N, C-alpha and C. Protein backbone atom coordinates (compact mmCIF):
# COMPACT_ATOMS: atom_id res chain seq x y z
N MET A 1 68.01 -55.56 -82.37
CA MET A 1 69.02 -54.63 -82.99
C MET A 1 68.69 -53.81 -84.16
N SER A 2 68.85 -52.47 -83.23
CA SER A 2 68.52 -51.35 -84.38
C SER A 2 70.38 -50.70 -85.15
N LEU A 3 70.21 -50.93 -85.90
CA LEU A 3 71.32 -50.41 -86.85
C LEU A 3 71.09 -48.66 -86.67
N ASP A 4 69.93 -47.97 -86.11
CA ASP A 4 70.37 -46.54 -86.11
C ASP A 4 71.02 -46.27 -85.10
N SER A 5 71.44 -47.20 -84.19
CA SER A 5 71.81 -46.79 -83.00
C SER A 5 73.50 -46.83 -82.95
N HIS A 6 73.73 -47.34 -84.36
CA HIS A 6 74.97 -47.83 -84.57
C HIS A 6 75.83 -46.25 -84.94
N ILE A 7 74.80 -45.15 -85.30
CA ILE A 7 75.31 -44.20 -86.24
C ILE A 7 75.15 -42.97 -85.72
N GLU A 8 76.85 -42.34 -85.63
CA GLU A 8 77.15 -41.40 -84.98
C GLU A 8 76.11 -39.58 -84.92
N LYS A 9 75.77 -39.68 -86.44
CA LYS A 9 75.10 -38.82 -87.11
C LYS A 9 74.48 -38.93 -88.34
N VAL A 10 73.44 -38.33 -88.52
CA VAL A 10 73.02 -38.12 -90.10
C VAL A 10 73.06 -36.97 -90.79
N LEU A 11 74.15 -37.44 -91.84
CA LEU A 11 74.49 -36.22 -92.94
C LEU A 11 73.29 -35.81 -93.25
N TRP A 12 72.66 -36.56 -94.28
CA TRP A 12 71.67 -36.22 -95.28
C TRP A 12 70.75 -37.50 -95.09
N THR A 13 69.57 -36.90 -94.63
CA THR A 13 68.49 -37.51 -94.97
C THR A 13 67.36 -37.95 -95.75
N LYS A 14 66.22 -39.10 -95.65
CA LYS A 14 65.96 -39.46 -97.55
C LYS A 14 65.31 -38.33 -97.78
N PHE A 15 64.51 -37.14 -96.88
CA PHE A 15 64.28 -35.96 -97.95
C PHE A 15 65.46 -35.37 -98.44
N GLN A 16 66.35 -34.66 -97.85
CA GLN A 16 67.22 -34.53 -98.68
C GLN A 16 67.92 -35.42 -99.70
N ILE A 17 68.15 -36.08 -99.85
CA ILE A 17 68.86 -37.59 -100.94
C ILE A 17 67.45 -37.38 -102.22
N SER A 18 66.54 -37.51 -101.67
CA SER A 18 65.16 -37.42 -102.81
C SER A 18 65.20 -35.78 -103.56
N LYS A 19 65.62 -34.94 -103.12
CA LYS A 19 65.25 -33.47 -103.55
C LYS A 19 66.40 -33.95 -104.68
N ARG A 20 67.97 -34.07 -103.64
CA ARG A 20 68.57 -33.66 -104.84
C ARG A 20 69.45 -34.98 -106.06
N VAL A 21 68.51 -36.36 -106.05
CA VAL A 21 68.69 -37.18 -106.74
C VAL A 21 67.53 -36.39 -107.91
N THR A 22 66.58 -36.11 -107.47
CA THR A 22 65.62 -35.71 -108.63
C THR A 22 66.13 -34.70 -109.25
N GLU A 23 66.97 -33.41 -108.73
CA GLU A 23 67.80 -32.61 -109.02
C GLU A 23 69.11 -33.02 -110.15
N LEU A 24 69.50 -33.76 -109.67
CA LEU A 24 70.64 -35.08 -110.75
C LEU A 24 70.00 -35.25 -111.75
N ALA A 25 68.70 -36.13 -111.85
CA ALA A 25 67.85 -36.87 -112.79
C ALA A 25 67.59 -35.59 -114.11
N SER A 26 66.97 -34.62 -113.12
CA SER A 26 66.59 -33.62 -114.15
C SER A 26 67.70 -33.10 -114.81
N GLN A 27 68.93 -32.55 -114.40
CA GLN A 27 70.03 -32.66 -115.17
C GLN A 27 70.55 -33.23 -116.17
N ILE A 28 70.77 -34.43 -115.67
CA ILE A 28 71.21 -35.35 -116.85
C ILE A 28 70.32 -35.21 -118.16
N THR A 29 68.77 -35.28 -117.79
CA THR A 29 68.12 -35.00 -118.94
C THR A 29 67.81 -34.18 -119.68
N SER A 30 68.26 -32.94 -119.22
CA SER A 30 68.47 -31.69 -120.37
C SER A 30 69.88 -31.85 -120.72
N ASP A 31 70.78 -32.40 -119.43
CA ASP A 31 72.25 -32.24 -121.07
C ASP A 31 72.25 -33.86 -121.88
N PHE A 32 71.33 -34.49 -121.70
CA PHE A 32 71.34 -35.53 -122.53
C PHE A 32 70.20 -35.70 -123.90
N SER A 33 69.65 -34.72 -123.62
CA SER A 33 68.17 -34.54 -124.39
C SER A 33 68.49 -34.81 -126.17
N SER A 34 69.56 -34.57 -126.31
CA SER A 34 69.56 -34.29 -127.71
C SER A 34 71.01 -35.21 -128.12
N VAL A 35 71.30 -36.20 -126.98
CA VAL A 35 72.80 -36.69 -127.71
C VAL A 35 71.80 -38.41 -128.15
N SER A 36 72.42 -38.80 -129.74
CA SER A 36 72.10 -39.88 -130.02
C SER A 36 73.10 -40.48 -130.69
N PRO A 37 73.40 -42.05 -130.16
CA PRO A 37 72.40 -42.79 -129.80
C PRO A 37 72.17 -42.46 -127.61
N PRO A 38 71.44 -42.95 -126.61
CA PRO A 38 70.89 -42.13 -125.77
C PRO A 38 72.23 -43.05 -124.79
N PRO A 39 72.42 -42.62 -123.82
CA PRO A 39 73.70 -42.82 -122.85
C PRO A 39 73.06 -43.86 -122.61
N LEU A 40 74.16 -44.75 -122.28
CA LEU A 40 73.97 -45.72 -121.26
C LEU A 40 74.79 -45.79 -120.05
N VAL A 41 73.70 -46.11 -118.93
CA VAL A 41 74.19 -45.68 -117.33
C VAL A 41 74.85 -47.26 -117.22
N VAL A 42 75.62 -46.76 -116.45
CA VAL A 42 76.23 -48.09 -115.50
C VAL A 42 76.94 -47.89 -114.32
N GLY A 43 75.92 -49.10 -113.18
CA GLY A 43 75.31 -48.60 -112.28
C GLY A 43 77.30 -49.57 -111.51
N VAL A 44 77.55 -48.81 -110.73
CA VAL A 44 79.28 -49.43 -109.55
C VAL A 44 78.40 -50.48 -108.74
N ALA A 45 78.36 -51.28 -109.09
CA ALA A 45 78.09 -52.19 -107.94
C ALA A 45 78.95 -52.45 -107.31
N THR A 46 78.00 -52.57 -105.76
CA THR A 46 77.15 -52.90 -105.23
C THR A 46 76.59 -51.58 -104.48
N GLY A 47 77.44 -50.72 -104.23
CA GLY A 47 77.08 -49.46 -103.42
C GLY A 47 76.21 -48.90 -103.96
N ALA A 48 76.20 -48.48 -105.14
CA ALA A 48 75.27 -47.38 -106.25
C ALA A 48 73.90 -47.86 -106.25
N PHE A 49 73.27 -49.34 -105.93
CA PHE A 49 71.87 -50.01 -106.51
C PHE A 49 71.21 -49.32 -105.63
N LEU A 50 71.19 -48.39 -104.97
CA LEU A 50 69.75 -47.74 -104.37
C LEU A 50 69.80 -46.33 -105.27
N PHE A 51 71.18 -45.96 -105.10
CA PHE A 51 71.12 -44.81 -106.11
C PHE A 51 70.76 -44.55 -107.41
N LEU A 52 71.17 -45.75 -108.12
CA LEU A 52 71.09 -45.78 -109.43
C LEU A 52 69.58 -45.87 -109.69
N ALA A 53 68.79 -46.90 -108.87
CA ALA A 53 67.63 -47.47 -109.47
C ALA A 53 66.80 -45.88 -108.67
N ASP A 54 66.78 -45.07 -108.04
CA ASP A 54 66.67 -43.95 -107.79
C ASP A 54 66.52 -42.82 -109.04
N LEU A 55 67.87 -42.75 -109.28
CA LEU A 55 68.40 -41.94 -110.07
C LEU A 55 67.48 -41.86 -111.98
N VAL A 56 67.56 -43.41 -112.34
CA VAL A 56 67.27 -43.73 -113.68
C VAL A 56 65.51 -43.76 -113.80
N ARG A 57 64.91 -44.00 -112.54
CA ARG A 57 63.33 -43.75 -112.69
C ARG A 57 63.01 -42.14 -112.82
N GLN A 58 63.78 -41.78 -112.94
CA GLN A 58 63.38 -39.89 -112.85
C GLN A 58 64.43 -39.57 -113.64
N ILE A 59 65.04 -40.44 -115.35
CA ILE A 59 65.85 -39.43 -115.98
C ILE A 59 64.86 -40.11 -117.00
N GLN A 60 63.91 -38.45 -117.36
CA GLN A 60 63.28 -38.78 -118.70
C GLN A 60 63.96 -39.15 -120.29
N LEU A 61 64.69 -39.86 -120.52
CA LEU A 61 65.29 -40.49 -121.68
C LEU A 61 65.41 -41.84 -122.01
N PRO A 62 64.89 -42.47 -123.18
CA PRO A 62 65.21 -43.97 -123.46
C PRO A 62 66.40 -44.68 -123.28
N ILE A 63 67.13 -44.54 -122.34
CA ILE A 63 68.26 -45.13 -121.35
C ILE A 63 68.36 -46.73 -121.30
N SER A 64 69.60 -47.27 -121.02
CA SER A 64 69.76 -48.51 -121.13
C SER A 64 70.38 -48.48 -119.47
N VAL A 65 70.53 -49.66 -119.07
CA VAL A 65 71.09 -49.75 -117.61
C VAL A 65 71.83 -51.69 -117.91
N ASP A 66 72.83 -50.91 -117.33
CA ASP A 66 74.12 -52.26 -116.97
C ASP A 66 74.84 -52.24 -115.90
N PHE A 67 75.36 -52.80 -115.37
CA PHE A 67 76.26 -52.81 -113.67
C PHE A 67 77.57 -53.50 -113.75
N ILE A 68 78.91 -52.84 -113.20
CA ILE A 68 79.89 -53.31 -113.33
C ILE A 68 80.15 -53.32 -111.61
N ARG A 69 81.29 -54.32 -111.64
CA ARG A 69 81.76 -54.28 -110.20
C ARG A 69 83.46 -54.33 -110.30
N ALA A 70 83.73 -52.96 -109.39
CA ALA A 70 85.01 -52.84 -109.50
C ALA A 70 85.26 -53.25 -107.55
N GLU A 71 86.49 -54.20 -107.32
CA GLU A 71 86.16 -54.15 -105.65
C GLU A 71 87.79 -53.40 -105.49
N SER A 72 87.53 -52.65 -104.22
CA SER A 72 88.71 -52.09 -103.41
C SER A 72 88.94 -51.93 -102.24
N TYR A 73 87.45 -52.25 -101.55
CA TYR A 73 87.83 -52.40 -100.07
C TYR A 73 87.59 -53.23 -99.46
N GLY A 74 87.06 -54.62 -99.90
CA GLY A 74 86.97 -55.72 -99.09
C GLY A 74 85.78 -55.82 -98.08
N SER A 75 86.15 -56.05 -97.12
CA SER A 75 85.40 -55.13 -95.65
C SER A 75 86.28 -53.99 -94.76
N GLY A 76 87.44 -54.25 -95.20
CA GLY A 76 87.39 -52.40 -94.21
C GLY A 76 87.14 -51.54 -94.69
N THR A 77 87.98 -50.68 -94.30
CA THR A 77 87.72 -49.06 -93.86
C THR A 77 88.13 -48.29 -94.99
N GLU A 78 89.21 -48.50 -95.81
CA GLU A 78 90.32 -48.10 -96.60
C GLU A 78 90.55 -48.74 -97.71
N SER A 79 90.28 -47.84 -98.77
CA SER A 79 90.73 -48.88 -100.15
C SER A 79 92.11 -49.41 -100.32
N SER A 80 91.63 -49.92 -100.92
CA SER A 80 93.70 -51.18 -101.38
C SER A 80 94.22 -50.28 -102.46
N GLY A 81 93.73 -49.65 -103.23
CA GLY A 81 94.28 -48.79 -104.03
C GLY A 81 94.48 -49.35 -105.11
N ALA A 82 94.42 -50.85 -104.93
CA ALA A 82 94.74 -51.22 -106.49
C ALA A 82 92.91 -52.00 -106.52
N PRO A 83 91.97 -51.29 -107.01
CA PRO A 83 90.72 -52.20 -107.88
C PRO A 83 90.91 -53.08 -109.08
N ARG A 84 90.19 -54.52 -108.46
CA ARG A 84 90.35 -55.19 -109.62
C ARG A 84 88.64 -55.23 -110.10
N ILE A 85 88.43 -55.53 -111.74
CA ILE A 85 86.93 -55.32 -112.33
C ILE A 85 86.94 -56.90 -111.90
N SER A 86 85.60 -57.21 -110.87
CA SER A 86 85.27 -58.70 -110.72
C SER A 86 84.11 -59.32 -111.10
N LEU A 87 83.32 -57.83 -111.48
CA LEU A 87 82.12 -58.14 -112.67
C LEU A 87 81.82 -57.43 -113.61
N ASP A 88 81.79 -57.89 -115.42
CA ASP A 88 81.83 -56.85 -116.31
C ASP A 88 80.55 -56.66 -116.97
N LEU A 89 80.41 -55.62 -117.65
CA LEU A 89 79.51 -55.14 -118.43
C LEU A 89 78.99 -56.76 -119.47
N LYS A 90 77.80 -56.07 -119.29
CA LYS A 90 76.88 -57.31 -120.58
C LYS A 90 76.90 -56.89 -122.05
N LEU A 91 76.24 -55.54 -121.81
CA LEU A 91 75.92 -54.58 -122.85
C LEU A 91 77.16 -53.96 -123.78
N ASP A 92 77.52 -53.85 -124.35
CA ASP A 92 78.49 -53.21 -125.91
C ASP A 92 78.19 -51.84 -125.51
N VAL A 93 79.70 -51.60 -125.13
CA VAL A 93 79.88 -49.64 -124.74
C VAL A 93 80.02 -48.78 -126.09
N LYS A 94 80.56 -50.03 -127.07
CA LYS A 94 82.11 -48.97 -128.20
C LYS A 94 80.62 -47.79 -128.80
N GLU A 95 81.16 -46.74 -128.94
CA GLU A 95 80.73 -45.84 -129.85
C GLU A 95 79.56 -45.41 -129.03
N LYS A 96 79.50 -45.36 -127.53
CA LYS A 96 78.27 -45.02 -126.66
C LYS A 96 78.81 -43.84 -125.79
N HIS A 97 78.15 -43.20 -125.05
CA HIS A 97 78.20 -42.36 -123.74
C HIS A 97 77.65 -42.96 -122.37
N VAL A 98 78.75 -43.37 -121.90
CA VAL A 98 78.57 -44.12 -120.83
C VAL A 98 78.27 -43.28 -119.52
N ILE A 99 77.77 -43.07 -118.73
CA ILE A 99 77.25 -42.41 -117.43
C ILE A 99 77.28 -43.58 -116.51
N LEU A 100 78.64 -43.57 -115.50
CA LEU A 100 78.75 -44.28 -114.85
C LEU A 100 78.11 -43.73 -113.51
N VAL A 101 77.47 -44.72 -112.61
CA VAL A 101 77.04 -43.72 -111.14
C VAL A 101 77.88 -44.49 -110.17
N GLU A 102 78.55 -43.75 -109.38
CA GLU A 102 79.00 -44.18 -108.56
C GLU A 102 78.13 -43.89 -107.14
N ASP A 103 78.67 -44.59 -105.82
CA ASP A 103 78.24 -44.46 -104.93
C ASP A 103 78.80 -43.19 -104.12
N ILE A 104 79.77 -43.23 -103.86
CA ILE A 104 81.54 -42.66 -103.23
C ILE A 104 82.81 -42.09 -104.40
N VAL A 105 83.11 -41.35 -104.46
CA VAL A 105 84.37 -41.18 -105.23
C VAL A 105 85.27 -40.57 -104.03
N ASP A 106 86.08 -41.35 -103.43
CA ASP A 106 87.21 -41.49 -102.73
C ASP A 106 88.52 -40.89 -103.15
N THR A 107 89.30 -42.22 -102.89
CA THR A 107 90.18 -41.78 -103.29
C THR A 107 90.66 -41.82 -105.10
N GLY A 108 89.90 -41.88 -105.78
CA GLY A 108 89.91 -42.17 -107.34
C GLY A 108 90.25 -42.98 -107.98
N ASN A 109 90.76 -43.97 -107.48
CA ASN A 109 91.79 -45.36 -107.59
C ASN A 109 90.64 -46.09 -108.85
N THR A 110 89.30 -46.39 -108.09
CA THR A 110 88.53 -46.92 -109.34
C THR A 110 87.62 -46.21 -110.17
N LEU A 111 87.77 -45.34 -109.70
CA LEU A 111 86.74 -44.44 -111.25
C LEU A 111 88.39 -44.16 -112.59
N SER A 112 89.22 -44.20 -112.00
CA SER A 112 90.16 -44.16 -112.68
C SER A 112 90.24 -45.55 -113.23
N CYS A 113 90.19 -46.46 -112.93
CA CYS A 113 90.58 -47.79 -113.26
C CYS A 113 89.21 -47.87 -114.36
N LEU A 114 88.03 -47.74 -113.71
CA LEU A 114 86.58 -47.67 -114.91
C LEU A 114 86.60 -47.30 -115.77
N ILE A 115 87.14 -45.82 -115.75
CA ILE A 115 87.68 -45.19 -116.97
C ILE A 115 88.30 -45.95 -118.21
N LYS A 116 89.55 -45.66 -117.86
CA LYS A 116 90.00 -46.81 -118.57
C LYS A 116 89.33 -47.91 -119.29
N HIS A 117 89.28 -49.10 -118.11
CA HIS A 117 88.52 -50.11 -118.86
C HIS A 117 87.27 -49.87 -120.21
N LEU A 118 86.40 -48.71 -119.56
CA LEU A 118 85.38 -48.52 -120.40
C LEU A 118 86.01 -47.94 -121.85
N GLU A 119 87.12 -46.99 -121.62
CA GLU A 119 87.82 -46.85 -122.74
C GLU A 119 88.35 -47.88 -123.75
N SER A 120 88.54 -48.85 -122.81
CA SER A 120 89.20 -49.87 -123.77
C SER A 120 88.29 -50.42 -124.12
N LYS A 121 87.11 -50.79 -123.69
CA LYS A 121 85.88 -51.37 -124.63
C LYS A 121 85.77 -50.70 -125.53
N GLY A 122 86.01 -49.36 -126.13
CA GLY A 122 85.24 -48.45 -127.03
C GLY A 122 84.36 -47.33 -126.74
N ALA A 123 84.00 -47.16 -125.28
CA ALA A 123 83.24 -46.18 -125.17
C ALA A 123 83.55 -44.70 -125.61
N SER A 124 82.68 -44.41 -126.51
CA SER A 124 82.48 -42.71 -126.99
C SER A 124 83.65 -41.43 -126.19
N ALA A 125 82.68 -41.53 -124.92
CA ALA A 125 82.39 -40.26 -124.06
C ALA A 125 82.21 -41.44 -122.34
N VAL A 126 82.71 -41.51 -121.41
CA VAL A 126 82.37 -41.47 -119.97
C VAL A 126 81.78 -40.15 -119.14
N SER A 127 80.59 -39.82 -118.46
CA SER A 127 80.90 -38.85 -117.84
C SER A 127 80.56 -39.95 -116.39
N VAL A 128 80.32 -39.32 -115.15
CA VAL A 128 80.08 -39.77 -114.09
C VAL A 128 79.45 -38.93 -113.20
N CYS A 129 78.34 -39.95 -112.34
CA CYS A 129 77.48 -39.05 -111.59
C CYS A 129 77.36 -40.12 -110.41
N THR A 130 77.60 -39.00 -109.20
CA THR A 130 78.50 -39.82 -108.00
C THR A 130 77.58 -39.31 -106.84
N PHE A 131 77.08 -39.92 -105.87
CA PHE A 131 76.12 -39.55 -104.78
C PHE A 131 76.78 -38.96 -103.71
N LEU A 132 78.01 -39.03 -103.71
CA LEU A 132 78.65 -38.39 -102.59
C LEU A 132 80.05 -38.27 -102.90
N ASP A 133 81.03 -37.21 -102.99
CA ASP A 133 82.50 -36.88 -103.51
C ASP A 133 83.28 -36.60 -102.17
N LYS A 134 84.43 -37.11 -102.11
CA LYS A 134 85.58 -36.82 -101.12
C LYS A 134 86.65 -36.13 -101.72
N PRO A 135 86.17 -34.92 -101.96
CA PRO A 135 87.82 -34.64 -102.69
C PRO A 135 88.84 -34.46 -101.82
N THR A 136 88.65 -34.28 -100.38
CA THR A 136 90.14 -34.06 -99.61
C THR A 136 90.68 -35.57 -99.41
N ARG A 137 90.14 -36.29 -99.54
CA ARG A 137 90.40 -38.11 -99.93
C ARG A 137 91.21 -38.57 -101.98
N ARG A 138 91.04 -37.46 -101.71
CA ARG A 138 91.78 -37.97 -103.44
C ARG A 138 92.77 -38.37 -103.63
N LYS A 139 93.61 -39.31 -104.73
CA LYS A 139 95.17 -39.71 -104.71
C LYS A 139 95.44 -39.57 -106.13
N VAL A 140 94.40 -40.16 -106.77
CA VAL A 140 94.50 -39.98 -108.53
C VAL A 140 93.49 -39.09 -108.72
N HIS A 141 94.46 -38.50 -109.62
CA HIS A 141 93.58 -37.39 -110.67
C HIS A 141 93.09 -38.44 -111.62
N PHE A 142 91.12 -38.11 -112.51
CA PHE A 142 91.04 -39.26 -113.53
C PHE A 142 90.19 -38.05 -114.53
N GLU A 143 90.76 -38.48 -115.63
CA GLU A 143 89.67 -37.59 -116.37
C GLU A 143 88.74 -38.30 -117.06
N LEU A 144 87.71 -36.89 -117.27
CA LEU A 144 86.84 -38.24 -118.06
C LEU A 144 86.93 -38.36 -119.57
N LEU A 145 86.20 -39.30 -120.15
CA LEU A 145 86.69 -39.56 -121.47
C LEU A 145 85.42 -38.92 -122.54
N GLY A 146 86.27 -38.34 -123.69
CA GLY A 146 85.35 -37.27 -124.49
C GLY A 146 84.87 -35.74 -124.07
N ASP A 147 83.58 -35.96 -123.77
CA ASP A 147 82.75 -34.98 -123.55
C ASP A 147 81.86 -34.82 -122.23
N GLY A 148 83.02 -36.22 -121.54
CA GLY A 148 82.27 -36.31 -120.42
C GLY A 148 81.59 -35.32 -119.24
N LYS A 149 80.62 -35.65 -118.67
CA LYS A 149 80.25 -34.51 -117.25
C LYS A 149 80.97 -34.78 -116.08
N TYR A 150 80.38 -34.29 -115.34
CA TYR A 150 80.60 -34.86 -113.66
C TYR A 150 79.61 -34.23 -113.13
N TYR A 151 78.87 -35.15 -112.36
CA TYR A 151 77.61 -34.72 -111.53
C TYR A 151 78.08 -35.70 -110.35
N GLN A 152 77.54 -34.42 -109.61
CA GLN A 152 77.93 -34.85 -107.70
C GLN A 152 76.43 -34.34 -107.20
N GLY A 153 76.64 -35.68 -106.13
CA GLY A 153 75.02 -35.47 -105.12
C GLY A 153 74.98 -34.17 -104.14
N PHE A 154 76.45 -34.89 -103.19
CA PHE A 154 76.94 -34.30 -102.14
C PHE A 154 78.21 -34.06 -102.21
N GLU A 155 78.77 -33.04 -101.30
CA GLU A 155 80.31 -33.22 -101.25
C GLU A 155 80.59 -33.79 -99.37
N CYS A 156 81.20 -34.95 -99.35
CA CYS A 156 81.43 -35.54 -98.27
C CYS A 156 82.40 -35.18 -97.41
N PRO A 157 81.95 -34.73 -96.25
CA PRO A 157 83.50 -34.75 -95.43
C PRO A 157 83.93 -36.02 -95.25
N ASP A 158 85.03 -35.63 -94.27
CA ASP A 158 85.69 -37.30 -94.54
C ASP A 158 85.54 -37.71 -93.30
N TYR A 159 84.38 -38.53 -93.05
CA TYR A 159 84.24 -39.41 -92.48
C TYR A 159 83.82 -40.78 -93.14
N PHE A 160 83.33 -42.06 -92.40
CA PHE A 160 83.44 -42.90 -92.59
C PHE A 160 81.55 -42.75 -92.76
N VAL A 161 81.26 -43.21 -93.85
CA VAL A 161 79.90 -43.05 -94.11
C VAL A 161 79.22 -44.55 -94.52
N VAL A 162 77.84 -44.71 -93.42
CA VAL A 162 76.99 -45.91 -94.40
C VAL A 162 75.50 -45.37 -94.53
N GLY A 163 75.06 -46.17 -95.65
CA GLY A 163 73.37 -45.98 -95.53
C GLY A 163 73.26 -45.72 -97.18
N TYR A 164 71.71 -46.05 -97.58
CA TYR A 164 72.03 -45.49 -99.01
C TYR A 164 72.28 -46.16 -99.84
N GLY A 165 72.72 -47.77 -99.37
CA GLY A 165 73.24 -48.54 -100.45
C GLY A 165 74.45 -48.48 -100.10
N MET A 166 75.13 -47.80 -99.19
CA MET A 166 76.95 -47.64 -98.56
C MET A 166 76.96 -48.79 -97.63
N ASP A 167 78.28 -49.39 -97.49
CA ASP A 167 78.11 -50.74 -96.22
C ASP A 167 78.87 -49.99 -95.38
N PHE A 168 79.46 -51.09 -94.69
CA PHE A 168 80.53 -51.54 -93.72
C PHE A 168 80.41 -53.06 -93.82
N ALA A 169 80.88 -54.05 -93.83
CA ALA A 169 81.11 -55.38 -94.15
C ALA A 169 79.55 -55.75 -94.71
N GLU A 170 79.39 -55.44 -95.83
CA GLU A 170 77.82 -55.73 -96.41
C GLU A 170 76.91 -55.54 -95.33
N LEU A 171 76.87 -54.39 -94.49
CA LEU A 171 75.70 -54.15 -93.60
C LEU A 171 75.60 -52.29 -93.32
N TYR A 172 74.22 -52.49 -93.06
CA TYR A 172 73.73 -50.91 -92.98
C TYR A 172 73.28 -50.38 -94.34
N ARG A 173 73.51 -50.65 -95.86
CA ARG A 173 72.92 -50.29 -97.24
C ARG A 173 71.40 -50.20 -96.62
N ASN A 174 70.89 -50.43 -96.20
CA ASN A 174 69.31 -50.34 -96.44
C ASN A 174 68.70 -49.46 -95.49
N LEU A 175 69.88 -48.88 -94.44
CA LEU A 175 69.42 -47.54 -93.98
C LEU A 175 69.07 -46.13 -94.88
N PRO A 176 67.87 -46.01 -95.05
CA PRO A 176 67.24 -44.56 -95.61
C PRO A 176 68.14 -43.28 -95.96
N TYR A 177 68.43 -43.30 -95.08
CA TYR A 177 69.55 -41.74 -94.75
C TYR A 177 70.71 -42.23 -94.70
N VAL A 178 72.08 -41.15 -95.03
CA VAL A 178 73.66 -41.26 -95.12
C VAL A 178 73.75 -40.92 -94.03
N GLY A 179 74.58 -41.33 -92.93
CA GLY A 179 75.30 -41.48 -91.44
C GLY A 179 76.62 -41.63 -91.02
N VAL A 180 77.09 -41.28 -90.27
CA VAL A 180 78.65 -41.47 -90.08
C VAL A 180 78.39 -42.78 -88.76
N LEU A 181 79.13 -43.70 -88.94
CA LEU A 181 78.85 -44.54 -88.27
C LEU A 181 79.96 -44.61 -87.37
N LYS A 182 79.51 -44.92 -85.71
CA LYS A 182 80.34 -45.11 -84.63
C LYS A 182 81.56 -45.70 -84.91
N PRO A 183 82.49 -45.62 -84.55
CA PRO A 183 83.89 -45.83 -84.76
C PRO A 183 84.09 -47.61 -84.15
N GLU A 184 83.54 -47.82 -82.65
CA GLU A 184 83.49 -48.38 -81.75
C GLU A 184 83.25 -49.64 -83.05
N TYR A 185 81.95 -50.11 -83.98
CA TYR A 185 81.62 -50.60 -85.05
C TYR A 185 82.26 -50.95 -86.40
N TYR A 186 83.37 -50.21 -86.70
CA TYR A 186 84.27 -50.62 -87.21
C TYR A 186 86.18 -50.70 -87.14
N ASN A 187 86.25 -50.35 -85.97
CA ASN A 187 87.57 -50.64 -85.23
C ASN A 187 87.58 -52.03 -84.93
């Protein structure tokens, strides 16, 4: 079974993704080169793992990396609107600048929940670096913490996308590009 045959169209190729990740890493390196202590990069599992890996390998700073998991989709295509943290951080974020690395910012529910959680743990600032942003789907206005910055890879049209770490029912994460999943595979 070829997963490629399940894709209606490719939105971003692996080459476009690689170029954009390099640009984001360069911007983060520049923005945080004089910040002490260096930021803590927190990947939002599981969707952001490929983006996180590619991004941190190109950030030229002495960063630490951790993961957090917030679940709001289950095996569906719509966010439940009530994310819950199912895997918490191992590292202490107290008085640190945290860069949350997300695969996609959709409704804003998960991001809002995560920022509040990091604030409750004492983070001094929270920035967000999202691979995809879907502002047309935003339902919750989230505020960055402290002098946090917002980094966006690509603005995503309102399609159900998979690939480059993003899944449907835990499949398609391994596609090297981002594509629109044909409706017959998720309806």
